[in-house]
Amino acid sequence: EFKGHQDGVSSVSFSPDGKYIATASWDNTARLWDLTGKLIPEFKGHQDGVSSVSFSPDGKYIATASEDKTARLWDIKGKWIQEFKGHQDAVLSVSFSPDGKYIATASQDKTARLWDLTGKLIQEFQGHQSWVSSVSFSSDGKYIATASEDNTARLWDLTGKLIQEFQGHQSWVSSVSFSPDGKYIATASEDKTARLWDLTGKLIQEFKGHQRRVSSVSFSPDGKYIATASSDNTARLWDLTGKLIQEFKGHQEAVFSVSFSHDGKYIATASGDNTARLWQIRSLDEMLVQGCDWLHDYLQNNADESDKHLCDEISAQKK
């Protein structure tokens, strides 16, 4: 558990080498931690809550987005490098391009923006009818996806041209993420669901089970799973068929953000309870080793009635 923020933790991100996590908080700061929970530096300077944090691909920098209408670039020692000014309202999301040369931002001013690292505005993405809550780059860096409170997600090329609109959520879309192979996007929504889409806008799968808003969605590095964070105080791990694999319980308030480690063995979560947490993802094999308690939980969510005799069989073999 990562304790120290004085207000809710809005965003969490793993470093590319998996040795650190960065957190953003409404206490106006971001923080860098090692995986033992030790605070490395604190990033101070924003004049309002920090809503999003992202590592550069080389791990040497972090970008932050803030309700003070700016984004900032920092080195990992906490030194402020650059400020990105121009949005007319709170900046809710920030993401690095895969080559590390650009950042994209999403804002309550209904736009997303593309910047180079000198702070120069390269492109503005206009068309959403309400807040743009999330922005994500494709793995090849040729496209960005945006999520909006107008109940849609959108796919754009870097010239600002709209490629595709993703319609179907019954309430605002809070988060968007590209699959590692760039063939799909996942969205999270206030309507308590997450969704998987191909880039033509076709709905592939819906992930149902959360009891409140789904705030964040992220693909595993191998693209076989997605993780979701929800205002029901939990995070969840799913396979792409919509089966629930694992639930992460323990936060005392809404979970706003979820991030996979780059080896896919852990997830980090950020919560309104002022903490971030690091969790181990357990495989089915690990559940079997630990006996029927884990297996029972797994089978309850993933097996047909005809398969639930497995627990009895394993117990008999152990005896």
C-alpha atoms as a PDB file:
ATOM      1  CA  GLU A   1       0.000   0.000   0.000  1.00  0.00           C
ATOM      2  CA  PHE A   2       1.264   3.469  -0.918  1.00  0.00           C
ATOM      3  CA  LYS A   3       0.289   6.016   1.741  1.00  0.00           C
ATOM      4  CA  GLY A   4       1.065   9.680   1.977  1.00  0.00           C
ATOM      5  CA  HIS A   5      -1.193  11.650  -0.331  1.00  0.00           C
ATOM      6  CA  GLN A   6      -3.447  14.094   1.478  1.00  0.00           C
ATOM      7  CA  ASP A   7      -6.404  13.625  -0.862  1.00  0.00           C
ATOM      8  CA  GLY A   8      -7.800  11.051  -3.252  1.00  0.00           C
ATOM      9  CA  VAL A   9      -5.401   9.372  -5.687  1.00  0.00           C
ATOM     10  CA  SER A  10      -6.711   9.944  -9.197  1.00  0.00           C
ATOM     11  CA  SER A  11      -4.221   8.078 -11.390  1.00  0.00           C
ATOM     12  CA  VAL A  12      -1.482   5.443 -11.226  1.00  0.00           C
ATOM     13  CA  SER A  13       1.106   4.308 -13.757  1.00  0.00           C
ATOM     14  CA  PHE A  14       3.940   1.743 -13.796  1.00  0.00           C
ATOM     15  CA  SER A  15       7.398   2.744 -15.006  1.00  0.00           C
ATOM     16  CA  PRO A  16       8.517   0.894 -18.153  1.00  0.00           C
ATOM     17  CA  ASP A  17      11.123  -1.099 -16.209  1.00  0.00           C
ATOM     18  CA  GLY A  18       8.531  -2.072 -13.590  1.00  0.00           C
ATOM     19  CA  LYS A  19      10.596  -0.741 -10.674  1.00  0.00           C
ATOM     20  CA  TYR A  20       8.434   2.245  -9.785  1.00  0.00           C
ATOM     21  CA  ILE A  21       4.900   3.531  -9.804  1.00  0.00           C
ATOM     22  CA  ALA A  22       3.799   7.130 -10.217  1.00  0.00           C
ATOM     23  CA  THR A  23       0.630   8.473  -8.634  1.00  0.00           C
ATOM     24  CA  ALA A  24      -1.387  11.647  -9.152  1.00  0.00           C
ATOM     25  CA  SER A  25      -3.610  13.161  -6.504  1.00  0.00           C
ATOM     26  CA  TRP A  26      -6.128  15.878  -5.879  1.00  0.00           C
ATOM     27  CA  ASP A  27      -3.711  17.129  -3.212  1.00  0.00           C
ATOM     28  CA  ASN A  28      -2.047  19.015  -6.158  1.00  0.00           C
ATOM     29  CA  THR A  29       0.957  16.665  -6.309  1.00  0.00           C
ATOM     30  CA  ALA A  30       2.262  13.614  -8.087  1.00  0.00           C
ATOM     31  CA  ARG A  31       4.578  11.119  -6.430  1.00  0.00           C
ATOM     32  CA  LEU A  32       7.093   8.484  -7.481  1.00  0.00           C
ATOM     33  CA  TRP A  33       7.441   5.337  -5.348  1.00  0.00           C
ATOM     34  CA  ASP A  34       9.484   2.202  -5.377  1.00  0.00           C
ATOM     35  CA  LEU A  35       7.532  -1.033  -5.044  1.00  0.00           C
ATOM     36  CA  THR A  36       8.196  -1.292  -1.296  1.00  0.00           C
ATOM     37  CA  GLY A  37       6.082   1.851  -0.820  1.00  0.00           C
ATOM     38  CA  LYS A  38       9.056   4.195  -0.324  1.00  0.00           C
ATOM     39  CA  LEU A  39       8.509   7.719  -1.639  1.00  0.00           C
ATOM     40  CA  ILE A  40      11.273   8.718  -4.064  1.00  0.00           C
ATOM     41  CA  PRO A  41      10.462  12.320  -5.151  1.00  0.00           C
ATOM     42  CA  GLU A  42       7.344  14.416  -4.963  1.00  0.00           C
ATOM     43  CA  PHE A  43       6.258  16.560  -7.914  1.00  0.00           C
ATOM     44  CA  LYS A  44       5.022  19.920  -6.673  1.00  0.00           C
ATOM     45  CA  GLY A  45       3.935  22.932  -8.671  1.00  0.00           C
ATOM     46  CA  HIS A  46       0.418  22.424  -9.982  1.00  0.00           C
ATOM     47  CA  GLN A  47      -2.091  24.911  -8.594  1.00  0.00           C
ATOM     48  CA  ASP A  48      -4.973  22.440  -8.468  1.00  0.00           C
ATOM     49  CA  GLY A  49      -5.619  18.709  -8.331  1.00  0.00           C
ATOM     50  CA  VAL A  50      -3.493  16.415 -10.502  1.00  0.00           C
ATOM     51  CA  SER A  51      -5.805  14.183 -12.490  1.00  0.00           C
ATOM     52  CA  SER A  52      -3.457  11.990 -14.535  1.00  0.00           C
ATOM     53  CA  VAL A  53       0.149  10.776 -14.668  1.00  0.00           C
ATOM     54  CA  SER A  54       2.067   9.006 -17.435  1.00  0.00           C
ATOM     55  CA  PHE A  55       5.661   7.727 -17.852  1.00  0.00           C
ATOM     56  CA  SER A  56       7.683   8.396 -20.970  1.00  0.00           C
ATOM     57  CA  PRO A  57       8.603   5.188 -22.852  1.00  0.00           C
ATOM     58  CA  ASP A  58      12.234   5.443 -21.704  1.00  0.00           C
ATOM     59  CA  GLY A  59      11.170   5.995 -18.082  1.00  0.00           C
ATOM     60  CA  LYS A  60      13.167   9.217 -17.748  1.00  0.00           C
ATOM     61  CA  TYR A  61      10.216  11.592 -17.536  1.00  0.00           C
ATOM     62  CA  ILE A  62       6.673  11.782 -16.311  1.00  0.00           C
ATOM     63  CA  ALA A  63       3.843  13.941 -17.590  1.00  0.00           C
ATOM     64  CA  THR A  64       1.036  15.184 -15.379  1.00  0.00           C
ATOM     65  CA  ALA A  65      -2.379  16.670 -16.151  1.00  0.00           C
ATOM     66  CA  SER A  66      -4.100  19.043 -13.769  1.00  0.00           C
ATOM     67  CA  GLU A  67      -7.330  20.798 -13.024  1.00  0.00           C
ATOM     68  CA  ASP A  68      -5.271  24.022 -13.169  1.00  0.00           C
ATOM     69  CA  LYS A  69      -5.756  23.784 -17.001  1.00  0.00           C
ATOM     70  CA  THR A  70      -2.155  22.741 -17.673  1.00  0.00           C
ATOM     71  CA  ALA A  71      -0.053  19.656 -18.219  1.00  0.00           C
ATOM     72  CA  ARG A  72       3.563  19.453 -17.079  1.00  0.00           C
ATOM     73  CA  LEU A  73       6.677  17.501 -17.985  1.00  0.00           C
ATOM     74  CA  TRP A  74       9.104  16.473 -15.219  1.00  0.00           C
ATOM     75  CA  ASP A  75      12.244  14.436 -14.927  1.00  0.00           C
ATOM     76  CA  ILE A  76      11.924  11.545 -12.496  1.00  0.00           C
ATOM     77  CA  LYS A  77      13.929  13.436  -9.871  1.00  0.00           C
ATOM     78  CA  GLY A  78      11.038  15.864  -9.556  1.00  0.00           C
ATOM     79  CA  LYS A  79      12.437  18.711 -11.662  1.00  0.00           C
ATOM     80  CA  TRP A  80       9.885  20.626 -13.704  1.00  0.00           C
ATOM     81  CA  ILE A  81      10.938  20.673 -17.387  1.00  0.00           C
ATOM     82  CA  GLN A  82       8.020  22.081 -19.391  1.00  0.00           C
ATOM     83  CA  GLU A  83       4.471  23.395 -19.056  1.00  0.00           C
ATOM     84  CA  PHE A  84       1.728  22.866 -21.645  1.00  0.00           C
ATOM     85  CA  LYS A  85      -0.700  25.777 -21.660  1.00  0.00           C
ATOM     86  CA  GLY A  86      -3.710  26.413 -23.843  1.00  0.00           C
ATOM     87  CA  HIS A  87      -6.635  24.352 -22.613  1.00  0.00           C
ATOM     88  CA  GLN A  88      -9.551  26.470 -21.422  1.00  0.00           C
ATOM     89  CA  ASP A  89     -10.599  24.120 -18.641  1.00  0.00           C
ATOM     90  CA  ALA A  90      -9.272  21.313 -16.444  1.00  0.00           C
ATOM     91  CA  VAL A  91      -6.930  18.790 -18.097  1.00  0.00           C
ATOM     92  CA  LEU A  92      -8.154  15.318 -17.189  1.00  0.00           C
ATOM     93  CA  SER A  93      -5.766  12.941 -18.957  1.00  0.00           C
ATOM     94  CA  VAL A  94      -2.241  12.839 -20.374  1.00  0.00           C
ATOM     95  CA  SER A  95      -0.433  10.214 -22.428  1.00  0.00           C
ATOM     96  CA  PHE A  96       3.005   9.889 -24.060  1.00  0.00           C
ATOM     97  CA  SER A  97       3.383   8.825 -27.676  1.00  0.00           C
ATOM     98  CA  PRO A  98       5.201   5.470 -28.116  1.00  0.00           C
ATOM     99  CA  ASP A  99       8.327   7.239 -29.449  1.00  0.00           C
ATOM    100  CA  GLY A 100       8.331   9.666 -26.506  1.00  0.00           C
ATOM    101  CA  LYS A 101       8.350  12.744 -28.753  1.00  0.00           C
ATOM    102  CA  TYR A 102       4.816  13.961 -28.049  1.00  0.00           C
ATOM    103  CA  ILE A 103       2.167  14.062 -25.381  1.00  0.00           C
ATOM    104  CA  ALA A 104      -1.576  14.099 -25.821  1.00  0.00           C
ATOM    105  CA  THR A 105      -3.962  15.757 -23.376  1.00  0.00           C
ATOM    106  CA  ALA A 106      -7.716  15.590 -22.820  1.00  0.00           C
ATOM    107  CA  SER A 107      -9.709  18.410 -21.267  1.00  0.00           C
ATOM    108  CA  GLN A 108     -13.028  19.558 -19.912  1.00  0.00           C
ATOM    109  CA  ASP A 109     -12.926  22.187 -22.681  1.00  0.00           C
ATOM    110  CA  LYS A 110     -14.237  19.403 -25.009  1.00  0.00           C
ATOM    111  CA  THR A 111     -10.935  19.033 -26.877  1.00  0.00           C
ATOM    112  CA  ALA A 112      -7.870  16.844 -26.947  1.00  0.00           C
ATOM    113  CA  ARG A 113      -4.501  18.269 -27.925  1.00  0.00           C
ATOM    114  CA  LEU A 114      -1.201  16.992 -29.281  1.00  0.00           C
ATOM    115  CA  TRP A 115       2.024  18.721 -28.163  1.00  0.00           C
ATOM    116  CA  ASP A 116       5.720  18.323 -28.718  1.00  0.00           C
ATOM    117  CA  LEU A 117       7.901  18.292 -25.622  1.00  0.00           C
ATOM    118  CA  THR A 118       8.860  21.961 -25.990  1.00  0.00           C
ATOM    119  CA  GLY A 119       5.241  22.846 -25.215  1.00  0.00           C
ATOM    120  CA  LYS A 120       4.339  23.640 -28.815  1.00  0.00           C
ATOM    121  CA  LEU A 121       0.763  22.772 -29.819  1.00  0.00           C
ATOM    122  CA  ILE A 122       0.834  20.457 -32.836  1.00  0.00           C
ATOM    123  CA  GLN A 123      -2.839  19.575 -33.272  1.00  0.00           C
ATOM    124  CA  GLU A 124      -6.244  20.079 -31.683  1.00  0.00           C
ATOM    125  CA  PHE A 125      -8.952  17.417 -31.836  1.00  0.00           C
ATOM    126  CA  GLN A 126     -12.411  18.976 -31.910  1.00  0.00           C
ATOM    127  CA  GLY A 127     -15.814  17.350 -32.181  1.00  0.00           C
ATOM    128  CA  HIS A 128     -16.822  15.923 -28.822  1.00  0.00           C
ATOM    129  CA  GLN A 129     -19.943  17.516 -27.367  1.00  0.00           C
ATOM    130  CA  SER A 130     -18.789  17.394 -23.744  1.00  0.00           C
ATOM    131  CA  TRP A 131     -15.687  16.892 -21.581  1.00  0.00           C
ATOM    132  CA  VAL A 132     -12.932  14.732 -23.021  1.00  0.00           C
ATOM    133  CA  SER A 133     -12.047  12.509 -20.092  1.00  0.00           C
ATOM    134  CA  SER A 134      -9.305  10.252 -21.445  1.00  0.00           C
ATOM    135  CA  VAL A 135      -6.755   9.993 -24.248  1.00  0.00           C
ATOM    136  CA  SER A 136      -4.606   7.091 -25.455  1.00  0.00           C
ATOM    137  CA  PHE A 137      -2.060   6.542 -28.250  1.00  0.00           C
ATOM    138  CA  SER A 138      -2.051   3.509 -30.515  1.00  0.00           C
ATOM    139  CA  SER A 139       1.083   1.351 -30.268  1.00  0.00           C
ATOM    140  CA  ASP A 140       2.338   2.549 -33.660  1.00  0.00           C
ATOM    141  CA  GLY A 141       1.780   6.189 -32.676  1.00  0.00           C
ATOM    142  CA  LYS A 142      -0.397   6.918 -35.723  1.00  0.00           C
ATOM    143  CA  TYR A 143      -3.709   7.357 -33.921  1.00  0.00           C
ATOM    144  CA  ILE A 144      -5.191   8.585 -30.694  1.00  0.00           C
ATOM    145  CA  ALA A 145      -8.409   7.503 -29.037  1.00  0.00           C
ATOM    146  CA  THR A 146     -10.488   9.775 -26.853  1.00  0.00           C
ATOM    147  CA  ALA A 147     -13.312   9.153 -24.376  1.00  0.00           C
ATOM    148  CA  SER A 148     -15.960  11.730 -23.578  1.00  0.00           C
ATOM    149  CA  GLU A 149     -18.877  12.633 -21.371  1.00  0.00           C
ATOM    150  CA  ASP A 150     -20.946  12.782 -24.585  1.00  0.00           C
ATOM    151  CA  ASN A 151     -21.245   8.952 -24.196  1.00  0.00           C
ATOM    152  CA  THR A 152     -18.842   8.210 -27.069  1.00  0.00           C
ATOM    153  CA  ALA A 153     -15.241   7.364 -27.777  1.00  0.00           C
ATOM    154  CA  ARG A 154     -13.500   8.517 -30.935  1.00  0.00           C
ATOM    155  CA  LEU A 155     -10.544   7.450 -33.059  1.00  0.00           C
ATOM    156  CA  TRP A 156      -8.455  10.144 -34.753  1.00  0.00           C
ATOM    157  CA  ASP A 157      -5.361  10.342 -36.903  1.00  0.00           C
ATOM    158  CA  LEU A 158      -2.723  12.833 -35.807  1.00  0.00           C
ATOM    159  CA  THR A 159      -3.874  15.467 -38.294  1.00  0.00           C
ATOM    160  CA  GLY A 160      -7.098  15.773 -36.270  1.00  0.00           C
ATOM    161  CA  LYS A 161      -9.209  13.822 -38.748  1.00  0.00           C
ATOM    162  CA  LEU A 162     -11.992  11.749 -37.170  1.00  0.00           C
ATOM    163  CA  ILE A 163     -11.626   8.118 -38.247  1.00  0.00           C
ATOM    164  CA  GLN A 164     -14.313   6.381 -36.198  1.00  0.00           C
ATOM    165  CA  GLU A 165     -16.881   6.994 -33.477  1.00  0.00           C
ATOM    166  CA  PHE A 166     -17.763   4.330 -30.902  1.00  0.00           C
ATOM    167  CA  GLN A 167     -21.389   4.549 -29.858  1.00  0.00           C
ATOM    168  CA  GLY A 168     -23.374   2.362 -27.490  1.00  0.00           C
ATOM    169  CA  HIS A 169     -22.571   3.271 -23.909  1.00  0.00           C
ATOM    170  CA  GLN A 170     -25.599   4.479 -21.993  1.00  0.00           C
ATOM    171  CA  SER A 171     -23.706   7.133 -20.055  1.00  0.00           C
ATOM    172  CA  TRP A 172     -20.428   9.032 -20.212  1.00  0.00           C
ATOM    173  CA  VAL A 173     -17.231   7.275 -21.199  1.00  0.00           C
ATOM    174  CA  SER A 174     -14.549   7.762 -18.578  1.00  0.00           C
ATOM    175  CA  SER A 175     -11.549   5.909 -19.996  1.00  0.00           C
ATOM    176  CA  VAL A 176     -10.156   4.545 -23.250  1.00  0.00           C
ATOM    177  CA  SER A 177      -7.193   2.262 -23.948  1.00  0.00           C
ATOM    178  CA  PHE A 178      -5.647   0.695 -27.056  1.00  0.00           C
ATOM    179  CA  SER A 179      -4.760  -2.987 -27.159  1.00  0.00           C
ATOM    180  CA  PRO A 180      -1.003  -3.627 -27.495  1.00  0.00           C
ATOM    181  CA  ASP A 181      -1.431  -4.813 -31.099  1.00  0.00           C
ATOM    182  CA  GLY A 182      -3.480  -1.714 -31.965  1.00  0.00           C
ATOM    183  CA  LYS A 183      -6.431  -3.717 -33.284  1.00  0.00           C
ATOM    184  CA  TYR A 184      -8.910  -2.943 -30.502  1.00  0.00           C
ATOM    185  CA  ILE A 185      -9.867  -0.312 -28.006  1.00  0.00           C
ATOM    186  CA  ALA A 186     -11.437  -0.793 -24.597  1.00  0.00           C
ATOM    187  CA  THR A 187     -13.722   1.766 -22.989  1.00  0.00           C
ATOM    188  CA  ALA A 188     -15.026   2.259 -19.448  1.00  0.00           C
ATOM    189  CA  SER A 189     -18.259   4.026 -18.624  1.00  0.00           C
ATOM    190  CA  GLU A 190     -20.532   5.532 -16.019  1.00  0.00           C
ATOM    191  CA  ASP A 191     -23.079   2.920 -17.204  1.00  0.00           C
ATOM    192  CA  LYS A 192     -21.221   0.335 -15.016  1.00  0.00           C
ATOM    193  CA  THR A 193     -19.728  -1.518 -17.983  1.00  0.00           C
ATOM    194  CA  ALA A 194     -16.537  -1.734 -19.977  1.00  0.00           C
ATOM    195  CA  ARG A 195     -16.579  -2.556 -23.677  1.00  0.00           C
ATOM    196  CA  LEU A 196     -14.198  -3.993 -26.259  1.00  0.00           C
ATOM    197  CA  TRP A 197     -14.392  -2.679 -29.842  1.00  0.00           C
ATOM    198  CA  ASP A 198     -12.602  -3.218 -33.097  1.00  0.00           C
ATOM    199  CA  LEU A 199     -11.437  -0.096 -34.916  1.00  0.00           C
ATOM    200  CA  THR A 200     -14.424  -0.109 -37.262  1.00  0.00           C
ATOM    201  CA  GLY A 201     -16.636   0.688 -34.254  1.00  0.00           C
ATOM    202  CA  LYS A 202     -18.015  -2.845 -33.942  1.00  0.00           C
ATOM    203  CA  LEU A 203     -18.746  -3.961 -30.379  1.00  0.00           C
ATOM    204  CA  ILE A 204     -16.841  -7.182 -29.650  1.00  0.00           C
ATOM    205  CA  GLN A 205     -17.555  -7.729 -25.955  1.00  0.00           C
ATOM    206  CA  GLU A 206     -19.205  -6.146 -22.934  1.00  0.00           C
ATOM    207  CA  PHE A 207     -17.852  -6.545 -19.409  1.00  0.00           C
ATOM    208  CA  LYS A 208     -20.636  -6.529 -16.843  1.00  0.00           C
ATOM    209  CA  GLY A 209     -20.518  -6.969 -13.085  1.00  0.00           C
ATOM    210  CA  HIS A 210     -19.353  -3.751 -11.468  1.00  0.00           C
ATOM    211  CA  GLN A 211     -21.981  -2.165  -9.244  1.00  0.00           C
ATOM    212  CA  ARG A 212     -21.080   1.433  -9.999  1.00  0.00           C
ATOM    213  CA  ARG A 213     -19.219   3.561 -12.546  1.00  0.00           C
ATOM    214  CA  VAL A 214     -16.236   1.982 -14.279  1.00  0.00           C
ATOM    215  CA  SER A 215     -13.574   4.684 -14.083  1.00  0.00           C
ATOM    216  CA  SER A 216     -10.580   3.146 -15.817  1.00  0.00           C
ATOM    217  CA  VAL A 217      -9.677   0.357 -18.225  1.00  0.00           C
ATOM    218  CA  SER A 218      -6.290  -1.043 -19.204  1.00  0.00           C
ATOM    219  CA  PHE A 219      -4.998  -3.896 -21.378  1.00  0.00           C
ATOM    220  CA  SER A 220      -2.473  -6.421 -20.119  1.00  0.00           C
ATOM    221  CA  PRO A 221       0.881  -6.300 -21.961  1.00  0.00           C
ATOM    222  CA  ASP A 222       0.077  -9.523 -23.836  1.00  0.00           C
ATOM    223  CA  GLY A 223      -3.356  -8.196 -24.809  1.00  0.00           C
ATOM    224  CA  LYS A 224      -5.174 -11.220 -23.386  1.00  0.00           C
ATOM    225  CA  TYR A 225      -6.832  -9.480 -20.431  1.00  0.00           C
ATOM    226  CA  ILE A 226      -8.248  -6.164 -19.373  1.00  0.00           C
ATOM    227  CA  ALA A 227      -8.350  -4.632 -15.914  1.00  0.00           C
ATOM    228  CA  THR A 228     -11.071  -2.271 -14.775  1.00  0.00           C
ATOM    229  CA  ALA A 229     -11.366   0.111 -11.826  1.00  0.00           C
ATOM    230  CA  SER A 230     -14.713   1.103 -10.386  1.00  0.00           C
ATOM    231  CA  SER A 231     -16.498   3.388  -7.954  1.00  0.00           C
ATOM    232  CA  ASP A 232     -17.759   0.170  -6.294  1.00  0.00           C
ATOM    233  CA  ASN A 233     -14.338   0.192  -4.500  1.00  0.00           C
ATOM    234  CA  THR A 234     -12.947  -2.728  -6.521  1.00  0.00           C
ATOM    235  CA  ALA A 235     -10.781  -3.480  -9.516  1.00  0.00           C
ATOM    236  CA  ARG A 236     -11.388  -6.513 -11.712  1.00  0.00           C
ATOM    237  CA  LEU A 237      -9.443  -8.661 -14.139  1.00  0.00           C
ATOM    238  CA  TRP A 238     -11.268 -10.099 -17.183  1.00  0.00           C
ATOM    239  CA  ASP A 239     -10.413 -12.197 -20.176  1.00  0.00           C
ATOM    240  CA  LEU A 240     -11.528 -10.861 -23.538  1.00  0.00           C
ATOM    241  CA  THR A 241     -14.604 -13.107 -23.640  1.00  0.00           C
ATOM    242  CA  GLY A 242     -16.013 -11.098 -20.717  1.00  0.00           C
ATOM    243  CA  LYS A 243     -15.255 -13.700 -18.025  1.00  0.00           C
ATOM    244  CA  LEU A 244     -14.286 -12.360 -14.617  1.00  0.00           C
ATOM    245  CA  ILE A 245     -10.919 -13.824 -13.616  1.00  0.00           C
ATOM    246  CA  GLN A 246     -10.090 -12.002 -10.394  1.00  0.00           C
ATOM    247  CA  GLU A 247     -11.474  -9.279  -8.152  1.00  0.00           C
ATOM    248  CA  PHE A 248      -9.277  -6.935  -6.126  1.00  0.00           C
ATOM    249  CA  LYS A 249     -10.972  -5.835  -2.914  1.00  0.00           C
ATOM    250  CA  GLY A 250      -9.608  -3.705  -0.108  1.00  0.00           C
ATOM    251  CA  HIS A 251      -9.869  -0.045  -1.006  1.00  0.00           C
ATOM    252  CA  GLN A 252     -12.235   1.906   1.220  1.00  0.00           C
ATOM    253  CA  GLU A 253     -13.473   4.253  -1.479  1.00  0.00           C
ATOM    254  CA  ALA A 254     -13.862   4.448  -5.248  1.00  0.00           C
ATOM    255  CA  VAL A 255     -11.035   3.091  -7.404  1.00  0.00           C
ATOM    256  CA  PHE A 256     -10.228   5.626 -10.118  1.00  0.00           C
ATOM    257  CA  SER A 257      -7.314   4.138 -12.022  1.00  0.00           C
ATOM    258  CA  VAL A 258      -5.694   0.790 -12.814  1.00  0.00           C
ATOM    259  CA  SER A 259      -2.384  -0.020 -14.492  1.00  0.00           C
ATOM    260  CA  PHE A 260      -0.577  -3.258 -15.411  1.00  0.00           C
ATOM    261  CA  SER A 261       3.102  -3.856 -14.742  1.00  0.00           C
ATOM    262  CA  HIS A 262       5.032  -4.474 -17.944  1.00  0.00           C
ATOM    263  CA  ASP A 263       5.545  -8.155 -17.140  1.00  0.00           C
ATOM    264  CA  GLY A 264       1.793  -8.537 -16.573  1.00  0.00           C
ATOM    265  CA  LYS A 265       2.229 -10.030 -13.100  1.00  0.00           C
ATOM    266  CA  TYR A 266       0.901  -7.101 -11.067  1.00  0.00           C
ATOM    267  CA  ILE A 267      -1.639  -4.323 -11.206  1.00  0.00           C
ATOM    268  CA  ALA A 268      -1.588  -0.996  -9.408  1.00  0.00           C
ATOM    269  CA  THR A 269      -4.743   0.828  -8.364  1.00  0.00           C
ATOM    270  CA  ALA A 270      -5.468   4.403  -7.264  1.00  0.00           C
ATOM    271  CA  SER A 271      -8.336   5.262  -4.941  1.00  0.00           C
ATOM    272  CA  GLY A 272     -10.325   8.030  -3.333  1.00  0.00           C
ATOM    273  CA  ASP A 273      -9.210   6.593   0.023  1.00  0.00           C
ATOM    274  CA  ASN A 274      -5.920   8.557  -0.480  1.00  0.00           C
ATOM    275  CA  THR A 275      -3.894   5.423  -1.262  1.00  0.00           C
ATOM    276  CA  ALA A 276      -2.566   3.426  -4.165  1.00  0.00           C
ATOM    277  CA  ARG A 277      -2.132  -0.350  -3.944  1.00  0.00           C
ATOM    278  CA  LEU A 278      -0.028  -2.986  -5.628  1.00  0.00           C
ATOM    279  CA  TRP A 279      -1.625  -6.384  -6.246  1.00  0.00           C
ATOM    280  CA  GLN A 280      -0.392  -9.703  -7.552  1.00  0.00           C
ATOM    281  CA  ILE A 281      -2.294 -11.320 -10.390  1.00  0.00           C
ATOM    282  CA  ARG A 282      -2.791 -14.996  -9.655  1.00  0.00           C
ATOM    283  CA  SER A 283      -2.909 -17.568 -12.422  1.00  0.00           C
ATOM    284  CA  LEU A 284      -5.255 -20.550 -12.327  1.00  0.00           C
ATOM    285  CA  ASP A 285      -2.252 -22.779 -11.634  1.00  0.00           C
ATOM    286  CA  GLU A 286      -1.416 -20.709  -8.554  1.00  0.00           C
ATOM    287  CA  MET A 287      -5.004 -20.969  -7.399  1.00  0.00           C
ATOM    288  CA  LEU A 288      -4.862 -24.753  -7.733  1.00  0.00           C
ATOM    289  CA  VAL A 289      -1.657 -24.944  -5.698  1.00  0.00           C
ATOM    290  CA  GLN A 290      -3.282 -22.961  -2.926  1.00  0.00           C
ATOM    291  CA  GLY A 291      -6.221 -25.332  -2.810  1.00  0.00           C
ATOM    292  CA  CYS A 292      -9.948 -25.189  -3.134  1.00  0.00           C
ATOM    293  CA  ASP A 293     -10.586 -21.785  -1.593  1.00  0.00           C
ATOM    294  CA  TRP A 294      -9.027 -20.054  -4.569  1.00  0.00           C
ATOM    295  CA  LEU A 295     -10.404 -22.628  -6.985  1.00  0.00           C
ATOM    296  CA  HIS A 296     -13.912 -22.236  -5.628  1.00  0.00           C
ATOM    297  CA  ASP A 297     -13.785 -18.458  -6.155  1.00  0.00           C
ATOM    298  CA  TYR A 298     -12.485 -18.936  -9.676  1.00  0.00           C
ATOM    299  CA  LEU A 299     -15.066 -21.547 -10.597  1.00  0.00           C
ATOM    300  CA  GLN A 300     -17.915 -19.475  -9.217  1.00  0.00           C
ATOM    301  CA  ASN A 301     -17.149 -16.866 -11.848  1.00  0.00           C
ATOM    302  CA  ASN A 302     -15.824 -18.929 -14.723  1.00  0.00           C
ATOM    303  CA  ALA A 303     -17.132 -22.504 -14.783  1.00  0.00           C
ATOM    304  CA  ASP A 304     -20.279 -24.264 -15.793  1.00  0.00           C
ATOM    305  CA  GLU A 305     -22.068 -26.396 -13.209  1.00  0.00           C
ATOM    306  CA  SER A 306     -20.638 -29.468 -14.889  1.00  0.00           C
ATOM    307  CA  ASP A 307     -17.095 -28.278 -14.106  1.00  0.00           C
ATOM    308  CA  LYS A 308     -17.555 -27.629 -10.396  1.00  0.00           C
ATOM    309  CA  HIS A 309     -16.784 -31.234  -9.493  1.00  0.00           C
ATOM    310  CA  LEU A 310     -13.112 -30.351 -10.061  1.00  0.00           C
ATOM    311  CA  CYS A 311     -12.736 -29.073  -6.515  1.00  0.00           C
ATOM    312  CA  ASP A 312     -13.985 -32.351  -5.061  1.00  0.00           C
ATOM    313  CA  GLU A 313     -11.663 -34.326  -7.308  1.00  0.00           C
ATOM    314  CA  ILE A 314      -8.619 -32.299  -6.313  1.00  0.00           C
ATOM    315  CA  SER A 315      -9.482 -32.602  -2.628  1.00  0.00           C
ATOM    316  CA  ALA A 316      -9.731 -36.373  -3.022  1.00  0.00           C
ATOM    317  CA  GLN A 317      -6.346 -36.519  -4.762  1.00  0.00           C
ATOM    318  CA  LYS A 318      -4.701 -34.431  -2.019  1.00  0.00           C
ATOM    319  CA  LYS A 319      -5.999 -36.900   0.575  1.00  0.00           C
END
